[in-house]
Amino acid sequence: MRFVSKRNEVTLRNGLVHKKVKDPQAAALEASILRDLRGRGVPVPEVIACRDGLLVMEYLPGEPLPDVIERGGYDPGAVALALCGWLAAFYAAAAPDELRGDVNGRNFLYDGMKIYSVDFEGRGFGPKARDAGRLAAFLVTYGTCDAQKQAALTEAFIREFAARFNCAMDEILAERELEFAAMRLRRHHTA
């Protein structure tokens, strides 16, 4: 089984995820980040092995957030709470002002109760509102199944994030607009 990835070859073999990365140092860095986060209680995959650019990890339950959104049948409030719960665990384990950074929805798996996150190819720093705004942009952009439910999920996430992390709503919305602009640029350059 192959997973969607623009940069790497990611497959499921013998119940384990195999991620082949072009740069062996990048694979080693990701393995280090995952081991550190997991050791601090953040729901990320366990690293089984890493060598020569091949990262072997446990297979986590759940499906990518965009697939959950597209399929429908989810509770927007529950998904928003689960996302904020994962982010709370991450921020508690991370350095001050460290961000998740790559908040592409495909990097979050939802099993109906809990969020897990995958794909840690680097680290970023800045205001937490940046993670929230970027993730809100992805939440409202993915899927076409039920726009009203998608909007409810995005709104519930922004409200929960703002309350839980003491972020101003206008900061989150400004970051979301910046991500929308970045999305338009990426689509323009790939068209």
Protein backbone atom coordinates (compact mmCIF):
# COMPACT_ATOMS: atom_id res chain seq x y z
CA MET A 1 0.00 0.00 0.00
CA ARG A 2 1.30 3.48 -0.93
CA PHE A 3 0.55 6.67 0.99
CA VAL A 4 0.13 10.10 -0.57
CA SER A 5 3.42 12.02 -0.38
CA LYS A 6 4.76 14.69 -2.72
CA ARG A 7 8.40 14.38 -1.63
CA ASN A 8 8.97 10.83 -0.41
CA GLU A 9 8.10 7.24 -1.16
CA VAL A 10 5.90 6.05 1.72
CA THR A 11 4.57 2.49 1.80
CA LEU A 12 3.03 0.01 4.23
CA ARG A 13 4.91 -3.30 4.34
CA ASN A 14 4.50 -6.08 6.90
CA GLY A 15 2.41 -3.79 9.12
CA LEU A 16 5.09 -1.06 9.25
CA VAL A 17 5.38 2.26 7.46
CA HIS A 18 8.51 2.60 5.30
CA LYS A 19 9.42 6.17 4.38
CA LYS A 20 12.24 6.51 1.86
CA VAL A 21 13.75 10.01 2.02
CA LYS A 22 16.25 11.30 -0.57
CA ASP A 23 18.49 12.87 2.07
CA PRO A 24 19.66 10.41 4.75
CA GLN A 25 20.37 13.30 7.14
CA ALA A 26 16.75 14.47 6.80
CA ALA A 27 15.54 10.96 7.67
CA ALA A 28 17.83 10.88 10.71
CA LEU A 29 16.56 14.32 11.82
CA GLU A 30 12.94 13.21 11.51
CA ALA A 31 13.68 10.01 13.45
CA SER A 32 15.27 12.11 16.20
CA ILE A 33 12.29 14.48 16.35
CA LEU A 34 9.81 11.58 16.48
CA ARG A 35 11.74 9.77 19.21
CA ASP A 36 11.95 12.94 21.28
CA LEU A 37 8.25 13.77 20.92
CA ARG A 38 7.13 10.21 21.60
CA GLY A 39 9.36 10.07 24.67
CA ARG A 40 7.54 13.16 25.94
CA GLY A 41 4.10 11.59 25.44
CA VAL A 42 3.10 13.16 22.10
CA PRO A 43 1.00 10.81 19.93
CA VAL A 44 3.41 10.18 17.02
CA PRO A 45 4.61 6.93 15.45
CA GLU A 46 7.30 4.87 17.15
CA VAL A 47 10.51 4.75 15.13
CA ILE A 48 11.57 1.14 14.56
CA ALA A 49 14.69 1.85 12.50
CA CYS A 50 16.39 4.56 10.49
CA ARG A 51 19.35 4.11 8.15
CA ASP A 52 20.45 5.18 4.70
CA GLY A 53 17.43 7.46 4.25
CA LEU A 54 14.88 4.76 5.15
CA LEU A 55 12.69 5.51 8.15
CA VAL A 56 10.66 2.54 9.43
CA MET A 57 7.81 3.38 11.83
CA GLU A 58 4.80 1.82 13.43
CA TYR A 59 1.53 2.07 11.53
CA LEU A 60 -0.90 4.33 13.41
CA PRO A 61 -4.67 3.94 13.51
CA GLY A 62 -6.96 6.42 11.84
CA GLU A 63 -7.17 8.10 8.50
CA PRO A 64 -5.83 11.41 7.20
CA LEU A 65 -7.94 14.38 8.21
CA PRO A 66 -8.83 15.37 4.61
CA ASP A 67 -10.26 11.87 4.06
CA VAL A 68 -12.31 12.15 7.26
CA ILE A 69 -13.64 15.53 6.11
CA GLU A 70 -14.43 14.26 2.60
CA ARG A 71 -16.19 11.13 3.87
CA GLY A 72 -18.30 13.09 6.35
CA GLY A 73 -19.93 11.44 9.34
CA TYR A 74 -17.71 13.17 11.89
CA ASP A 75 -18.56 15.45 14.79
CA PRO A 76 -16.90 18.86 14.12
CA GLY A 77 -16.63 19.67 17.83
CA ALA A 78 -15.01 16.32 18.65
CA VAL A 79 -12.45 16.65 15.85
CA ALA A 80 -11.65 20.24 16.92
CA LEU A 81 -11.13 19.10 20.53
CA ALA A 82 -8.95 16.18 19.42
CA LEU A 83 -6.81 18.48 17.24
CA CYS A 84 -6.33 20.95 20.07
CA GLY A 85 -5.56 18.07 22.43
CA TRP A 86 -2.79 16.87 20.13
CA LEU A 87 -1.43 20.40 19.77
CA ALA A 88 -1.49 20.84 23.57
CA ALA A 89 0.64 17.70 23.97
CA PHE A 90 3.01 18.93 21.25
CA TYR A 91 3.41 22.43 22.72
CA ALA A 92 3.98 21.00 26.20
CA ALA A 93 6.82 18.84 24.83
CA ALA A 94 8.29 21.41 22.43
CA ALA A 95 10.75 24.23 22.97
CA PRO A 96 9.29 27.67 23.79
CA ASP A 97 7.67 29.20 20.68
CA GLU A 98 8.22 25.99 18.69
CA LEU A 99 5.51 25.29 16.13
CA ARG A 100 4.26 22.09 14.56
CA GLY A 101 4.99 23.92 11.33
CA ASP A 102 3.84 21.52 8.62
CA VAL A 103 0.15 21.45 9.49
CA ASN A 104 -0.99 20.00 6.19
CA GLY A 105 -4.13 18.02 7.03
CA ARG A 106 -2.59 14.82 5.65
CA ASN A 107 -0.12 14.96 8.54
CA PHE A 108 -2.93 14.40 11.06
CA LEU A 109 -4.67 11.05 11.47
CA TYR A 110 -8.03 10.76 13.23
CA ASP A 111 -9.30 7.44 14.59
CA GLY A 112 -12.71 8.71 15.72
CA MET A 113 -11.44 9.65 19.18
CA LYS A 114 -7.83 10.75 19.00
CA ILE A 115 -5.45 12.63 16.70
CA TYR A 116 -2.00 11.36 15.80
CA SER A 117 0.51 13.26 13.72
CA VAL A 118 3.13 12.15 11.20
CA ASP A 119 5.72 13.74 8.92
CA PHE A 120 8.18 15.81 10.96
CA GLU A 121 10.79 16.89 8.46
CA GLY A 122 11.80 20.00 10.34
CA ARG A 123 10.93 22.46 13.07
CA GLY A 124 9.72 26.03 13.06
CA PHE A 125 9.32 28.81 15.57
CA GLY A 126 6.83 31.65 15.94
CA PRO A 127 3.45 32.47 17.42
CA LYS A 128 1.05 29.60 18.02
CA ALA A 129 -1.54 31.55 16.02
CA ARG A 130 0.51 30.66 12.93
CA ASP A 131 -0.09 26.92 13.43
CA ALA A 132 -3.78 27.59 14.10
CA GLY A 133 -4.26 29.86 11.09
CA ARG A 134 -2.50 27.49 8.72
CA LEU A 135 -4.39 24.48 10.01
CA ALA A 136 -7.70 26.40 9.79
CA ALA A 137 -6.92 27.20 6.14
CA PHE A 138 -6.34 23.51 5.39
CA LEU A 139 -9.48 22.45 7.28
CA VAL A 140 -11.75 24.73 5.29
CA THR A 141 -10.01 23.99 1.96
CA TYR A 142 -10.04 20.18 1.97
CA GLY A 143 -13.04 18.25 0.77
CA THR A 144 -16.23 19.05 -1.03
CA CYS A 145 -18.66 16.78 0.77
CA ASP A 146 -20.37 19.12 3.22
CA ALA A 147 -19.19 22.74 3.19
CA GLN A 148 -21.43 23.67 6.13
CA LYS A 149 -19.95 20.93 8.32
CA GLN A 150 -16.45 21.87 7.19
CA ALA A 151 -17.07 25.48 8.18
CA ALA A 152 -18.40 24.29 11.56
CA LEU A 153 -15.23 22.23 12.09
CA THR A 154 -13.01 25.18 11.19
CA GLU A 155 -14.92 27.57 13.44
CA ALA A 156 -14.92 25.08 16.35
CA PHE A 157 -11.18 24.55 15.93
CA ILE A 158 -10.40 28.28 15.87
CA ARG A 159 -12.55 28.96 18.93
CA GLU A 160 -11.12 26.04 20.92
CA PHE A 161 -7.55 26.91 19.95
CA ALA A 162 -8.02 30.59 20.86
CA ALA A 163 -9.47 29.68 24.26
CA ARG A 164 -7.03 26.89 25.09
CA PHE A 165 -3.86 28.69 24.03
CA ASN A 166 -4.89 32.24 24.89
CA CYS A 167 -4.58 33.42 21.28
CA ALA A 168 -6.45 36.37 19.83
CA MET A 169 -8.98 35.31 17.20
CA ASP A 170 -7.89 38.14 14.89
CA GLU A 171 -4.29 36.82 14.96
CA ILE A 172 -5.48 33.34 13.98
CA LEU A 173 -7.67 34.73 11.20
CA ALA A 174 -4.80 36.91 9.90
CA GLU A 175 -2.54 33.84 9.79
CA ARG A 176 -5.30 31.91 7.98
CA GLU A 177 -5.46 34.66 5.33
CA LEU A 178 -1.68 34.49 4.89
CA GLU A 179 -1.95 30.73 4.34
CA PHE A 180 -4.75 31.21 1.80
CA ALA A 181 -2.42 33.59 -0.10
CA ALA A 182 0.41 31.06 0.09
CA MET A 183 -1.92 28.33 -1.22
CA ARG A 184 -2.88 30.50 -4.18
CA LEU A 185 0.79 31.09 -4.97
CA ARG A 186 1.62 27.38 -4.76
CA ARG A 187 -1.28 26.52 -7.07
CA HIS A 188 -0.26 29.26 -9.49
CA HIS A 189 3.32 27.93 -9.64
CA THR A 190 2.26 24.32 -10.14
CA ALA A 191 -0.38 25.07 -12.78
